[in-house]
Amino acid sequence: MSMRIDALLDEVFKWGHIEVLLTTIDPAGSPNTAPMGVDRGGSREIVLRIYRETKTFRNIALGSRWLVLTLSTDAMDYYISLFGAMDYETVPGWPIPSPVTRCRYTILLARVSSIDGEDPSTVKAEVMDHSHLPSLRSCRQAYSRANVALIEALIYYTKVEALAGTSSNEVLCRLYKRLEENALLAMRLGSEQLRRAADNVINLASEQLRKAGISCRD
């Protein structure tokens, strides 16, 4: 039997703010997945803060207001969502596909209920359904500081990318510094795979700033 949605969300958000893979679809029905922070609102409500210049926000504003949240703990899922090509699968009865991750994680289906006019915009949604909770025996993963640090670096990369053409040098350099700190931690403590990913995040963020004519070196 499926767990009640409110009880599931109690478990998911028991430590507060979480990071997910958020999937949206554009007006043509093409999916896009990106890392996204999520907070709990009411019983079945979730709250996201999304920059208005991102593809995720445009998909919500112009396409379908359905969302899929994938609760992956694997940093490479987040990396692939930004820099690789994700595959998608349909979930029976759901109006939006789910990304195929490296392991089968819990996925939530939500419907946007409100969007405000700020930037980043506060987007509220109601969780409508969830996948059956999978067995995680084959997905067991020890806590890894490098894994978490790479996810943090990727979150800061999305901010740098979204604001590179609109925010001040001071704001962008502060974001880049946080990105670099986390990426360097991942490079110091992580596996070869994580080190390569973290190094690429630094290089790509630096390129975003270079194109905007911004130097963050002392």
N, C-alpha and C. Protein backbone atom coordinates (compact mmCIF):
# COMPACT_ATOMS: atom_id res chain seq x y z
N MET A 1 0.85 -1.19 0.00
CA MET A 1 0.00 0.00 0.00
C MET A 1 0.89 1.24 0.00
N SER A 2 0.52 2.24 -0.79
CA SER A 2 1.30 3.47 -0.85
C SER A 2 1.16 4.26 0.44
N MET A 3 2.23 4.89 0.83
CA MET A 3 2.21 5.76 2.01
C MET A 3 1.38 7.01 1.71
N ARG A 4 0.61 7.49 2.68
CA ARG A 4 -0.13 8.74 2.52
C ARG A 4 0.84 9.86 2.17
N ILE A 5 0.40 10.79 1.30
CA ILE A 5 1.30 11.84 0.83
C ILE A 5 1.79 12.71 1.98
N ASP A 6 0.92 13.10 2.90
CA ASP A 6 1.37 13.97 3.99
C ASP A 6 2.37 13.25 4.88
N ALA A 7 2.16 11.94 5.11
CA ALA A 7 3.10 11.17 5.92
C ALA A 7 4.44 11.02 5.20
N LEU A 8 4.38 10.82 3.89
CA LEU A 8 5.61 10.72 3.11
C LEU A 8 6.39 12.03 3.18
N LEU A 9 5.69 13.16 3.05
CA LEU A 9 6.36 14.46 3.09
C LEU A 9 6.92 14.74 4.48
N ASP A 10 6.25 14.27 5.52
CA ASP A 10 6.80 14.39 6.87
C ASP A 10 8.18 13.73 6.92
N GLU A 11 8.29 12.56 6.30
CA GLU A 11 9.56 11.84 6.31
C GLU A 11 10.60 12.53 5.42
N VAL A 12 10.17 12.94 4.24
CA VAL A 12 11.09 13.56 3.29
C VAL A 12 11.70 14.85 3.84
N PHE A 13 10.86 15.64 4.52
CA PHE A 13 11.31 16.96 4.99
C PHE A 13 11.66 16.98 6.48
N LYS A 14 11.93 15.84 7.07
CA LYS A 14 12.18 15.83 8.51
C LYS A 14 13.43 16.61 8.89
N TRP A 15 14.36 16.79 7.96
CA TRP A 15 15.56 17.59 8.25
C TRP A 15 15.46 18.98 7.64
N GLY A 16 14.29 19.35 7.10
CA GLY A 16 14.11 20.69 6.53
C GLY A 16 14.33 20.71 5.02
N HIS A 17 14.96 21.79 4.55
CA HIS A 17 15.21 22.04 3.13
C HIS A 17 15.91 20.85 2.48
N ILE A 18 15.46 20.49 1.27
CA ILE A 18 16.10 19.39 0.54
C ILE A 18 16.44 19.85 -0.88
N GLU A 19 17.30 19.09 -1.53
CA GLU A 19 17.62 19.31 -2.94
C GLU A 19 17.04 18.16 -3.74
N VAL A 20 16.44 18.48 -4.89
CA VAL A 20 15.83 17.46 -5.74
C VAL A 20 16.22 17.70 -7.19
N LEU A 21 15.91 16.73 -8.03
CA LEU A 21 15.93 16.93 -9.47
C LEU A 21 14.51 17.31 -9.88
N LEU A 22 14.34 18.53 -10.38
CA LEU A 22 13.00 19.02 -10.73
C LEU A 22 12.81 18.94 -12.23
N THR A 23 11.77 18.23 -12.66
CA THR A 23 11.48 18.07 -14.08
C THR A 23 10.22 18.86 -14.44
N THR A 24 10.34 19.64 -15.52
CA THR A 24 9.22 20.40 -16.07
C THR A 24 9.14 20.08 -17.56
N ILE A 25 8.04 20.48 -18.20
CA ILE A 25 7.93 20.30 -19.65
C ILE A 25 7.54 21.62 -20.30
N ASP A 26 8.08 21.85 -21.50
CA ASP A 26 7.80 23.09 -22.23
C ASP A 26 6.50 22.95 -23.02
N PRO A 27 6.07 24.02 -23.71
CA PRO A 27 4.80 23.95 -24.45
C PRO A 27 4.75 22.84 -25.50
N ALA A 28 5.93 22.44 -26.00
CA ALA A 28 5.96 21.37 -27.01
C ALA A 28 5.98 19.99 -26.38
N GLY A 29 6.05 19.93 -25.04
CA GLY A 29 6.04 18.65 -24.35
C GLY A 29 7.40 18.07 -24.08
N SER A 30 8.48 18.85 -24.34
CA SER A 30 9.83 18.34 -24.09
C SER A 30 10.21 18.55 -22.63
N PRO A 31 10.76 17.53 -21.98
CA PRO A 31 11.10 17.65 -20.56
C PRO A 31 12.45 18.32 -20.34
N ASN A 32 12.60 18.94 -19.19
CA ASN A 32 13.87 19.53 -18.76
C ASN A 32 14.02 19.24 -17.27
N THR A 33 15.20 18.81 -16.87
CA THR A 33 15.47 18.51 -15.46
C THR A 33 16.63 19.34 -14.97
N ALA A 34 16.50 19.89 -13.77
CA ALA A 34 17.56 20.72 -13.19
C ALA A 34 17.57 20.56 -11.67
N PRO A 35 18.73 20.78 -11.02
CA PRO A 35 18.77 20.75 -9.56
C PRO A 35 17.94 21.88 -8.98
N MET A 36 17.26 21.62 -7.88
CA MET A 36 16.40 22.65 -7.29
C MET A 36 16.23 22.40 -5.80
N GLY A 37 16.30 23.49 -5.01
CA GLY A 37 16.01 23.39 -3.59
C GLY A 37 14.52 23.49 -3.34
N VAL A 38 14.03 22.74 -2.36
CA VAL A 38 12.60 22.69 -2.07
C VAL A 38 12.38 22.77 -0.57
N ASP A 39 11.34 23.52 -0.16
CA ASP A 39 10.94 23.59 1.24
C ASP A 39 9.51 23.08 1.38
N ARG A 40 9.15 22.68 2.58
CA ARG A 40 7.78 22.24 2.88
C ARG A 40 6.92 23.46 3.15
N GLY A 41 5.70 23.45 2.63
CA GLY A 41 4.73 24.48 2.94
C GLY A 41 3.71 23.92 3.91
N GLY A 42 2.48 23.71 3.42
CA GLY A 42 1.44 23.12 4.25
C GLY A 42 1.53 21.60 4.23
N SER A 43 0.41 20.96 4.51
CA SER A 43 0.38 19.50 4.63
C SER A 43 0.91 18.82 3.37
N ARG A 44 0.40 19.24 2.21
CA ARG A 44 0.85 18.65 0.94
C ARG A 44 1.50 19.69 0.04
N GLU A 45 1.82 20.84 0.58
CA GLU A 45 2.38 21.93 -0.22
C GLU A 45 3.90 21.95 -0.15
N ILE A 46 4.52 22.24 -1.30
CA ILE A 46 5.96 22.46 -1.37
C ILE A 46 6.20 23.86 -1.91
N VAL A 47 7.37 24.43 -1.58
CA VAL A 47 7.70 25.80 -1.95
C VAL A 47 9.07 25.82 -2.62
N LEU A 48 9.15 26.45 -3.79
CA LEU A 48 10.41 26.56 -4.52
C LEU A 48 10.69 28.02 -4.82
N ARG A 49 11.96 28.39 -4.92
CA ARG A 49 12.36 29.74 -5.33
C ARG A 49 13.11 29.59 -6.64
N ILE A 50 12.51 30.09 -7.73
CA ILE A 50 13.03 29.83 -9.07
C ILE A 50 13.31 31.14 -9.79
N TYR A 51 14.53 31.30 -10.31
CA TYR A 51 14.86 32.50 -11.08
C TYR A 51 14.05 32.54 -12.36
N ARG A 52 13.55 33.72 -12.69
CA ARG A 52 12.61 33.87 -13.80
C ARG A 52 13.26 33.70 -15.17
N GLU A 53 14.60 33.83 -15.24
CA GLU A 53 15.28 33.69 -16.53
C GLU A 53 15.66 32.25 -16.84
N THR A 54 15.37 31.33 -15.93
CA THR A 54 15.76 29.93 -16.17
C THR A 54 14.75 29.21 -17.05
N LYS A 55 15.22 28.14 -17.65
CA LYS A 55 14.32 27.31 -18.48
C LYS A 55 13.23 26.69 -17.62
N THR A 56 13.58 26.33 -16.38
CA THR A 56 12.58 25.74 -15.48
C THR A 56 11.41 26.69 -15.28
N PHE A 57 11.70 27.97 -15.02
CA PHE A 57 10.60 28.92 -14.79
C PHE A 57 9.80 29.14 -16.07
N ARG A 58 10.48 29.27 -17.20
CA ARG A 58 9.76 29.47 -18.46
C ARG A 58 8.84 28.29 -18.76
N ASN A 59 9.31 27.09 -18.47
CA ASN A 59 8.46 25.92 -18.70
C ASN A 59 7.20 25.96 -17.83
N ILE A 60 7.37 26.40 -16.57
CA ILE A 60 6.21 26.49 -15.67
C ILE A 60 5.26 27.59 -16.12
N ALA A 61 5.83 28.73 -16.54
CA ALA A 61 5.01 29.88 -16.91
C ALA A 61 4.31 29.68 -18.25
N LEU A 62 4.98 29.01 -19.20
CA LEU A 62 4.46 28.93 -20.56
C LEU A 62 3.97 27.53 -20.94
N GLY A 63 4.45 26.53 -20.24
CA GLY A 63 4.08 25.15 -20.58
C GLY A 63 3.14 24.56 -19.55
N SER A 64 3.39 23.33 -19.20
CA SER A 64 2.56 22.64 -18.20
C SER A 64 2.98 23.05 -16.80
N ARG A 65 2.02 23.10 -15.89
CA ARG A 65 2.35 23.42 -14.50
C ARG A 65 2.53 22.17 -13.65
N TRP A 66 2.67 21.04 -14.32
CA TRP A 66 2.99 19.82 -13.60
C TRP A 66 4.49 19.74 -13.34
N LEU A 67 4.86 19.19 -12.19
CA LEU A 67 6.26 19.03 -11.81
C LEU A 67 6.49 17.59 -11.37
N VAL A 68 7.68 17.09 -11.65
CA VAL A 68 8.14 15.83 -11.06
C VAL A 68 9.39 16.11 -10.25
N LEU A 69 9.40 15.64 -9.01
CA LEU A 69 10.54 15.82 -8.12
C LEU A 69 11.15 14.45 -7.87
N THR A 70 12.42 14.28 -8.22
CA THR A 70 13.13 13.03 -8.01
C THR A 70 14.07 13.21 -6.82
N LEU A 71 13.94 12.34 -5.83
CA LEU A 71 14.67 12.49 -4.57
C LEU A 71 15.98 11.69 -4.61
N SER A 72 16.84 12.04 -5.55
CA SER A 72 18.12 11.34 -5.69
C SER A 72 19.14 11.86 -4.67
N THR A 73 19.99 10.95 -4.19
CA THR A 73 21.10 11.36 -3.33
C THR A 73 22.44 11.24 -4.06
N ASP A 74 22.40 10.97 -5.35
CA ASP A 74 23.61 10.75 -6.13
C ASP A 74 23.99 12.05 -6.85
N ALA A 75 25.16 12.60 -6.52
CA ALA A 75 25.59 13.88 -7.11
C ALA A 75 25.68 13.80 -8.63
N MET A 76 26.01 12.63 -9.17
CA MET A 76 26.15 12.53 -10.62
C MET A 76 24.81 12.67 -11.34
N ASP A 77 23.69 12.34 -10.67
CA ASP A 77 22.38 12.61 -11.27
C ASP A 77 22.20 14.10 -11.48
N TYR A 78 22.61 14.90 -10.49
CA TYR A 78 22.50 16.35 -10.59
C TYR A 78 23.42 16.89 -11.69
N TYR A 79 24.61 16.34 -11.74
CA TYR A 79 25.59 16.76 -12.75
C TYR A 79 25.06 16.47 -14.15
N ILE A 80 24.56 15.25 -14.37
CA ILE A 80 24.04 14.87 -15.69
C ILE A 80 22.84 15.74 -16.06
N SER A 81 22.02 16.12 -15.08
CA SER A 81 20.85 16.94 -15.40
C SER A 81 21.25 18.29 -15.97
N LEU A 82 22.42 18.80 -15.59
CA LEU A 82 22.88 20.10 -16.08
C LEU A 82 23.73 19.98 -17.34
N PHE A 83 24.61 18.98 -17.39
CA PHE A 83 25.63 18.96 -18.43
C PHE A 83 25.57 17.74 -19.34
N GLY A 84 24.68 16.81 -19.06
CA GLY A 84 24.58 15.62 -19.88
C GLY A 84 23.22 15.53 -20.56
N ALA A 85 22.92 14.37 -21.07
CA ALA A 85 21.63 14.13 -21.73
C ALA A 85 20.87 13.10 -20.91
N MET A 86 19.79 13.53 -20.27
CA MET A 86 19.01 12.61 -19.45
C MET A 86 18.00 11.84 -20.30
N ASP A 87 17.79 10.60 -19.92
CA ASP A 87 16.71 9.81 -20.50
C ASP A 87 15.48 9.93 -19.59
N TYR A 88 14.32 9.71 -20.16
CA TYR A 88 13.06 9.85 -19.41
C TYR A 88 12.20 8.62 -19.60
N GLU A 89 11.36 8.37 -18.60
CA GLU A 89 10.42 7.26 -18.68
C GLU A 89 9.05 7.75 -18.24
N THR A 90 8.02 7.12 -18.76
CA THR A 90 6.67 7.52 -18.37
C THR A 90 6.27 6.78 -17.10
N VAL A 91 5.46 7.44 -16.31
CA VAL A 91 4.88 6.83 -15.11
C VAL A 91 3.39 6.64 -15.42
N PRO A 92 2.86 5.45 -15.31
CA PRO A 92 1.46 5.22 -15.67
C PRO A 92 0.50 6.22 -15.01
N GLY A 93 -0.28 6.92 -15.85
CA GLY A 93 -1.27 7.85 -15.35
C GLY A 93 -0.75 9.26 -15.06
N TRP A 94 0.57 9.46 -15.20
CA TRP A 94 1.13 10.79 -14.91
C TRP A 94 1.26 11.61 -16.19
N PRO A 95 1.02 12.94 -16.13
CA PRO A 95 1.06 13.77 -17.33
C PRO A 95 2.45 14.26 -17.69
N ILE A 96 3.48 13.86 -16.97
CA ILE A 96 4.83 14.36 -17.19
C ILE A 96 5.80 13.21 -16.92
N PRO A 97 6.86 13.07 -17.74
CA PRO A 97 7.78 11.95 -17.56
C PRO A 97 8.73 12.15 -16.38
N SER A 98 9.37 11.07 -15.99
CA SER A 98 10.35 11.10 -14.90
C SER A 98 11.74 10.84 -15.47
N PRO A 99 12.76 11.55 -14.99
CA PRO A 99 14.12 11.26 -15.48
C PRO A 99 14.58 9.88 -15.02
N VAL A 100 15.36 9.23 -15.86
CA VAL A 100 15.94 7.94 -15.50
C VAL A 100 17.25 8.21 -14.76
N THR A 101 17.27 7.90 -13.47
CA THR A 101 18.44 8.17 -12.65
C THR A 101 19.28 6.90 -12.53
N ARG A 102 20.44 7.05 -11.90
CA ARG A 102 21.37 5.94 -11.79
C ARG A 102 20.85 4.85 -10.85
N CYS A 103 19.88 5.21 -10.03
CA CYS A 103 19.24 4.24 -9.15
C CYS A 103 17.77 4.65 -9.06
N ARG A 104 16.90 3.74 -8.69
CA ARG A 104 15.47 4.04 -8.66
C ARG A 104 15.11 4.71 -7.34
N TYR A 105 14.91 6.01 -7.38
CA TYR A 105 14.58 6.78 -6.19
C TYR A 105 13.10 7.15 -6.18
N THR A 106 12.63 7.61 -5.03
CA THR A 106 11.26 8.08 -4.90
C THR A 106 11.04 9.29 -5.80
N ILE A 107 9.89 9.33 -6.48
CA ILE A 107 9.52 10.49 -7.28
C ILE A 107 8.15 10.99 -6.84
N LEU A 108 7.98 12.31 -6.85
CA LEU A 108 6.73 12.96 -6.47
C LEU A 108 6.15 13.69 -7.67
N LEU A 109 4.85 13.67 -7.81
CA LEU A 109 4.14 14.45 -8.83
C LEU A 109 3.46 15.61 -8.13
N ALA A 110 3.70 16.83 -8.62
CA ALA A 110 3.11 18.02 -8.00
C ALA A 110 2.50 18.92 -9.07
N ARG A 111 1.56 19.75 -8.64
CA ARG A 111 0.88 20.69 -9.52
C ARG A 111 1.05 22.09 -8.97
N VAL A 112 1.58 23.02 -9.78
CA VAL A 112 1.81 24.39 -9.34
C VAL A 112 0.48 25.06 -9.01
N SER A 113 0.43 25.71 -7.84
CA SER A 113 -0.79 26.40 -7.41
C SER A 113 -0.66 27.91 -7.47
N SER A 114 0.57 28.44 -7.33
CA SER A 114 0.74 29.89 -7.40
C SER A 114 2.18 30.25 -7.75
N ILE A 115 2.33 31.40 -8.43
CA ILE A 115 3.64 31.94 -8.82
C ILE A 115 3.60 33.43 -8.53
N ASP A 116 4.58 33.94 -7.77
CA ASP A 116 4.57 35.39 -7.54
C ASP A 116 5.46 36.11 -8.55
N GLY A 117 5.47 37.44 -8.50
CA GLY A 117 6.17 38.23 -9.51
C GLY A 117 7.59 38.62 -9.15
N GLU A 118 8.13 38.06 -8.07
CA GLU A 118 9.49 38.40 -7.66
C GLU A 118 10.51 37.63 -8.47
N ASP A 119 11.79 37.99 -8.29
CA ASP A 119 12.88 37.26 -8.93
C ASP A 119 14.00 37.04 -7.90
N PRO A 120 14.20 35.83 -7.39
CA PRO A 120 13.53 34.60 -7.80
C PRO A 120 12.07 34.57 -7.37
N SER A 121 11.27 33.90 -8.17
CA SER A 121 9.84 33.79 -7.90
C SER A 121 9.57 32.68 -6.89
N THR A 122 8.66 32.96 -5.98
CA THR A 122 8.21 31.92 -5.06
C THR A 122 7.10 31.12 -5.76
N VAL A 123 7.38 29.86 -6.00
CA VAL A 123 6.45 28.97 -6.67
C VAL A 123 5.95 27.95 -5.66
N LYS A 124 4.63 27.87 -5.50
CA LYS A 124 4.03 26.90 -4.58
C LYS A 124 3.32 25.83 -5.39
N ALA A 125 3.40 24.60 -4.90
CA ALA A 125 2.77 23.48 -5.61
C ALA A 125 2.22 22.49 -4.60
N GLU A 126 1.22 21.74 -5.05
CA GLU A 126 0.64 20.70 -4.21
C GLU A 126 1.08 19.33 -4.72
N VAL A 127 1.61 18.51 -3.83
CA VAL A 127 2.00 17.15 -4.20
C VAL A 127 0.74 16.31 -4.37
N MET A 128 0.59 15.71 -5.55
CA MET A 128 -0.62 14.99 -5.90
C MET A 128 -0.46 13.47 -5.82
N ASP A 129 0.78 12.99 -6.04
CA ASP A 129 0.98 11.54 -6.09
C ASP A 129 2.47 11.26 -5.88
N HIS A 130 2.80 9.99 -5.67
CA HIS A 130 4.20 9.60 -5.54
C HIS A 130 4.36 8.18 -6.05
N SER A 131 5.60 7.87 -6.44
CA SER A 131 5.88 6.51 -6.86
C SER A 131 5.87 5.60 -5.65
N HIS A 132 5.71 4.31 -5.85
CA HIS A 132 5.86 3.38 -4.75
C HIS A 132 7.29 3.47 -4.26
N LEU A 133 7.46 3.50 -2.94
CA LEU A 133 8.81 3.61 -2.39
C LEU A 133 9.63 2.40 -2.83
N PRO A 134 10.78 2.63 -3.47
CA PRO A 134 11.58 1.51 -3.98
C PRO A 134 12.41 0.87 -2.87
N SER A 135 12.86 -0.33 -3.12
CA SER A 135 13.86 -0.93 -2.24
C SER A 135 15.19 -0.27 -2.51
N LEU A 136 15.85 0.20 -1.48
CA LEU A 136 17.12 0.89 -1.67
C LEU A 136 18.31 -0.03 -1.40
N ARG A 137 18.08 -1.34 -1.32
CA ARG A 137 19.20 -2.25 -1.03
C ARG A 137 20.31 -2.12 -2.06
N SER A 138 19.92 -2.00 -3.32
CA SER A 138 20.94 -1.90 -4.37
C SER A 138 21.43 -0.47 -4.55
N CYS A 139 20.87 0.48 -3.80
CA CYS A 139 21.21 1.89 -3.95
C CYS A 139 21.92 2.45 -2.72
N ARG A 140 22.30 1.60 -1.80
CA ARG A 140 22.85 2.07 -0.54
C ARG A 140 24.09 2.91 -0.79
N GLN A 141 24.17 4.03 -0.12
CA GLN A 141 25.28 4.95 -0.34
C GLN A 141 25.65 5.60 0.98
N ALA A 142 26.91 5.48 1.39
CA ALA A 142 27.37 6.10 2.62
C ALA A 142 27.35 7.62 2.45
N TYR A 143 27.20 8.32 3.58
CA TYR A 143 27.26 9.78 3.53
C TYR A 143 28.65 10.21 3.05
N SER A 144 28.70 11.10 2.10
CA SER A 144 29.95 11.55 1.52
C SER A 144 29.98 13.06 1.48
N ARG A 145 30.94 13.66 2.16
CA ARG A 145 31.07 15.13 2.11
C ARG A 145 31.34 15.59 0.69
N ALA A 146 32.10 14.81 -0.06
CA ALA A 146 32.41 15.18 -1.45
C ALA A 146 31.14 15.18 -2.29
N ASN A 147 30.28 14.19 -2.08
CA ASN A 147 29.03 14.10 -2.82
C ASN A 147 28.15 15.33 -2.55
N VAL A 148 28.02 15.68 -1.27
CA VAL A 148 27.22 16.84 -0.89
C VAL A 148 27.84 18.13 -1.42
N ALA A 149 29.17 18.23 -1.35
CA ALA A 149 29.85 19.44 -1.81
C ALA A 149 29.64 19.65 -3.31
N LEU A 150 29.65 18.57 -4.09
CA LEU A 150 29.42 18.72 -5.52
C LEU A 150 28.00 19.19 -5.80
N ILE A 151 27.02 18.66 -5.07
CA ILE A 151 25.64 19.13 -5.24
C ILE A 151 25.56 20.62 -4.93
N GLU A 152 26.20 21.06 -3.83
CA GLU A 152 26.20 22.49 -3.48
C GLU A 152 26.83 23.31 -4.61
N ALA A 153 27.96 22.85 -5.15
CA ALA A 153 28.61 23.58 -6.24
C ALA A 153 27.68 23.70 -7.45
N LEU A 154 26.94 22.64 -7.75
CA LEU A 154 26.02 22.67 -8.88
C LEU A 154 24.86 23.64 -8.64
N ILE A 155 24.38 23.70 -7.39
CA ILE A 155 23.32 24.66 -7.07
C ILE A 155 23.82 26.09 -7.30
N TYR A 156 25.05 26.38 -6.84
CA TYR A 156 25.60 27.71 -7.06
C TYR A 156 25.87 27.98 -8.53
N TYR A 157 26.18 26.92 -9.29
CA TYR A 157 26.37 27.12 -10.72
C TYR A 157 25.06 27.62 -11.37
N THR A 158 23.92 27.05 -10.98
CA THR A 158 22.65 27.48 -11.57
C THR A 158 22.38 28.95 -11.25
N LYS A 159 22.80 29.42 -10.07
CA LYS A 159 22.61 30.83 -9.71
C LYS A 159 23.52 31.73 -10.55
N VAL A 160 24.79 31.32 -10.70
CA VAL A 160 25.72 32.10 -11.53
C VAL A 160 25.22 32.17 -12.96
N GLU A 161 24.76 31.05 -13.49
CA GLU A 161 24.27 31.00 -14.86
C GLU A 161 23.06 31.90 -15.05
N ALA A 162 22.13 31.87 -14.08
CA ALA A 162 20.89 32.65 -14.21
C ALA A 162 21.14 34.15 -14.07
N LEU A 163 22.16 34.55 -13.28
CA LEU A 163 22.35 35.96 -12.94
C LEU A 163 23.53 36.61 -13.66
N ALA A 164 24.25 35.84 -14.48
CA ALA A 164 25.49 36.35 -15.08
C ALA A 164 25.29 37.63 -15.88
N GLY A 165 24.13 37.81 -16.48
CA GLY A 165 23.93 39.00 -17.30
C GLY A 165 23.19 40.12 -16.61
N THR A 166 22.77 39.92 -15.35
CA THR A 166 21.90 40.91 -14.72
C THR A 166 22.36 41.41 -13.36
N SER A 167 23.19 40.66 -12.65
CA SER A 167 23.57 41.05 -11.29
C SER A 167 24.93 41.72 -11.25
N SER A 168 25.24 42.34 -10.12
CA SER A 168 26.49 43.07 -9.95
C SER A 168 27.67 42.11 -9.84
N ASN A 169 28.87 42.66 -10.10
CA ASN A 169 30.09 41.86 -9.95
C ASN A 169 30.21 41.31 -8.54
N GLU A 170 29.86 42.10 -7.56
CA GLU A 170 29.99 41.70 -6.16
C GLU A 170 29.13 40.46 -5.87
N VAL A 171 27.88 40.49 -6.31
CA VAL A 171 26.97 39.37 -6.07
C VAL A 171 27.48 38.12 -6.78
N LEU A 172 27.86 38.26 -8.04
CA LEU A 172 28.30 37.10 -8.82
C LEU A 172 29.60 36.52 -8.27
N CYS A 173 30.52 37.37 -7.85
CA CYS A 173 31.77 36.87 -7.30
C CYS A 173 31.55 36.17 -5.96
N ARG A 174 30.58 36.64 -5.18
CA ARG A 174 30.26 35.97 -3.93
C ARG A 174 29.69 34.58 -4.21
N LEU A 175 28.80 34.48 -5.20
CA LEU A 175 28.25 33.17 -5.57
C LEU A 175 29.34 32.25 -6.11
N TYR A 176 30.22 32.83 -6.95
CA TYR A 176 31.30 32.02 -7.52
C TYR A 176 32.24 31.50 -6.43
N LYS A 177 32.51 32.32 -5.43
CA LYS A 177 33.39 31.89 -4.35
C LYS A 177 32.81 30.69 -3.61
N ARG A 178 31.49 30.73 -3.35
CA ARG A 178 30.85 29.60 -2.67
C ARG A 178 30.88 28.36 -3.56
N LEU A 179 30.65 28.56 -4.86
CA LEU A 179 30.73 27.45 -5.81
C LEU A 179 32.12 26.83 -5.78
N GLU A 180 33.15 27.69 -5.85
CA GLU A 180 34.53 27.21 -5.90
C GLU A 180 34.93 26.48 -4.61
N GLU A 181 34.50 27.02 -3.47
CA GLU A 181 34.82 26.38 -2.19
C GLU A 181 34.27 24.95 -2.15
N ASN A 182 33.02 24.79 -2.57
CA ASN A 182 32.41 23.46 -2.54
C ASN A 182 33.03 22.54 -3.59
N ALA A 183 33.29 23.07 -4.78
CA ALA A 183 33.89 22.24 -5.82
C ALA A 183 35.29 21.77 -5.42
N LEU A 184 36.07 22.65 -4.80
CA LEU A 184 37.41 22.27 -4.36
C LEU A 184 37.35 21.22 -3.25
N LEU A 185 36.34 21.30 -2.39
CA LEU A 185 36.17 20.27 -1.36
C LEU A 185 35.86 18.92 -2.01
N ALA A 186 34.99 18.95 -3.01
CA ALA A 186 34.67 17.71 -3.73
C ALA A 186 35.91 17.16 -4.43
N MET A 187 36.74 18.04 -4.97
CA MET A 187 37.96 17.60 -5.63
C MET A 187 38.96 17.02 -4.63
N ARG A 188 38.98 17.55 -3.43
CA ARG A 188 39.93 17.10 -2.41
C ARG A 188 39.52 15.75 -1.81
N LEU A 189 38.22 15.56 -1.59
CA LEU A 189 37.75 14.38 -0.88
C LEU A 189 37.10 13.33 -1.77
N GLY A 190 36.78 13.69 -3.01
CA GLY A 190 35.96 12.81 -3.83
C GLY A 190 36.72 11.79 -4.64
N SER A 191 35.96 10.91 -5.29
CA SER A 191 36.51 9.93 -6.22
C SER A 191 36.97 10.64 -7.48
N GLU A 192 37.63 9.90 -8.36
CA GLU A 192 38.09 10.49 -9.62
C GLU A 192 36.91 11.04 -10.42
N GLN A 193 35.80 10.33 -10.40
CA GLN A 193 34.62 10.79 -11.13
C GLN A 193 34.12 12.12 -10.57
N LEU A 194 34.03 12.23 -9.25
CA LEU A 194 33.58 13.48 -8.64
C LEU A 194 34.59 14.59 -8.88
N ARG A 195 35.88 14.26 -8.83
CA ARG A 195 36.91 15.30 -9.05
C ARG A 195 36.81 15.88 -10.45
N ARG A 196 36.60 15.02 -11.43
CA ARG A 196 36.47 15.52 -12.81
C ARG A 196 35.23 16.40 -12.94
N ALA A 197 34.12 15.97 -12.34
CA ALA A 197 32.88 16.76 -12.42
C ALA A 197 33.05 18.11 -11.74
N ALA A 198 33.67 18.13 -10.55
CA ALA A 198 33.86 19.38 -9.80
C ALA A 198 34.77 20.34 -10.56
N ASP A 199 35.84 19.81 -11.15
CA ASP A 199 36.74 20.66 -11.93
C ASP A 199 36.02 21.27 -13.12
N ASN A 200 35.14 20.50 -13.75
CA ASN A 200 34.39 21.01 -14.90
C ASN A 200 33.40 22.10 -14.49
N VAL A 201 32.78 21.95 -13.31
CA VAL A 201 31.86 22.98 -12.82
C VAL A 201 32.59 24.31 -12.64
N ILE A 202 33.79 24.27 -12.04
CA ILE A 202 34.58 25.49 -11.86
C ILE A 202 34.90 26.12 -13.21
N ASN A 203 35.35 25.31 -14.16
CA ASN A 203 35.70 25.84 -15.48
C ASN A 203 34.50 26.45 -16.20
N LEU A 204 33.35 25.78 -16.11
CA LEU A 204 32.16 26.29 -16.80
C LEU A 204 31.63 27.56 -16.15
N ALA A 205 31.69 27.64 -14.82
CA ALA A 205 31.27 28.86 -14.13
C ALA A 205 32.21 30.01 -14.47
N SER A 206 33.50 29.72 -14.52
CA SER A 206 34.47 30.75 -14.89
C SER A 206 34.20 31.27 -16.30
N GLU A 207 33.82 30.36 -17.19
CA GLU A 207 33.51 30.77 -18.56
C GLU A 207 32.27 31.65 -18.62
N GLN A 208 31.25 31.32 -17.80
CA GLN A 208 30.05 32.17 -17.72
C GLN A 208 30.43 33.59 -17.31
N LEU A 209 31.29 33.71 -16.30
CA LEU A 209 31.70 35.04 -15.82
C LEU A 209 32.58 35.74 -16.85
N ARG A 210 33.47 35.00 -17.50
CA ARG A 210 34.32 35.61 -18.53
C ARG A 210 33.48 36.21 -19.65
N LYS A 211 32.45 35.50 -20.08
CA LYS A 211 31.57 36.00 -21.13
C LYS A 211 30.85 37.27 -20.70
N ALA A 212 30.59 37.37 -19.38
CA ALA A 212 29.90 38.56 -18.85
C ALA A 212 30.89 39.68 -18.53
N GLY A 213 32.19 39.45 -18.80
CA GLY A 213 33.21 40.47 -18.57
C GLY A 213 33.54 40.66 -17.10
N ILE A 214 33.42 39.59 -16.29
CA ILE A 214 33.61 39.69 -14.85
C ILE A 214 34.80 38.85 -14.43
N SER A 215 35.69 39.43 -13.62
CA SER A 215 36.83 38.70 -13.05
C SER A 215 36.69 38.69 -11.54
N CYS A 216 36.77 37.50 -10.95
CA CYS A 216 36.60 37.38 -9.50
C CYS A 216 37.91 37.08 -8.80
N ARG A 217 39.03 37.19 -9.50
CA ARG A 217 40.32 36.94 -8.88
C ARG A 217 40.81 38.17 -8.14
N ASP A 218 41.43 37.94 -6.96
CA ASP A 218 41.96 39.06 -6.18
C ASP A 218 43.14 39.69 -6.91
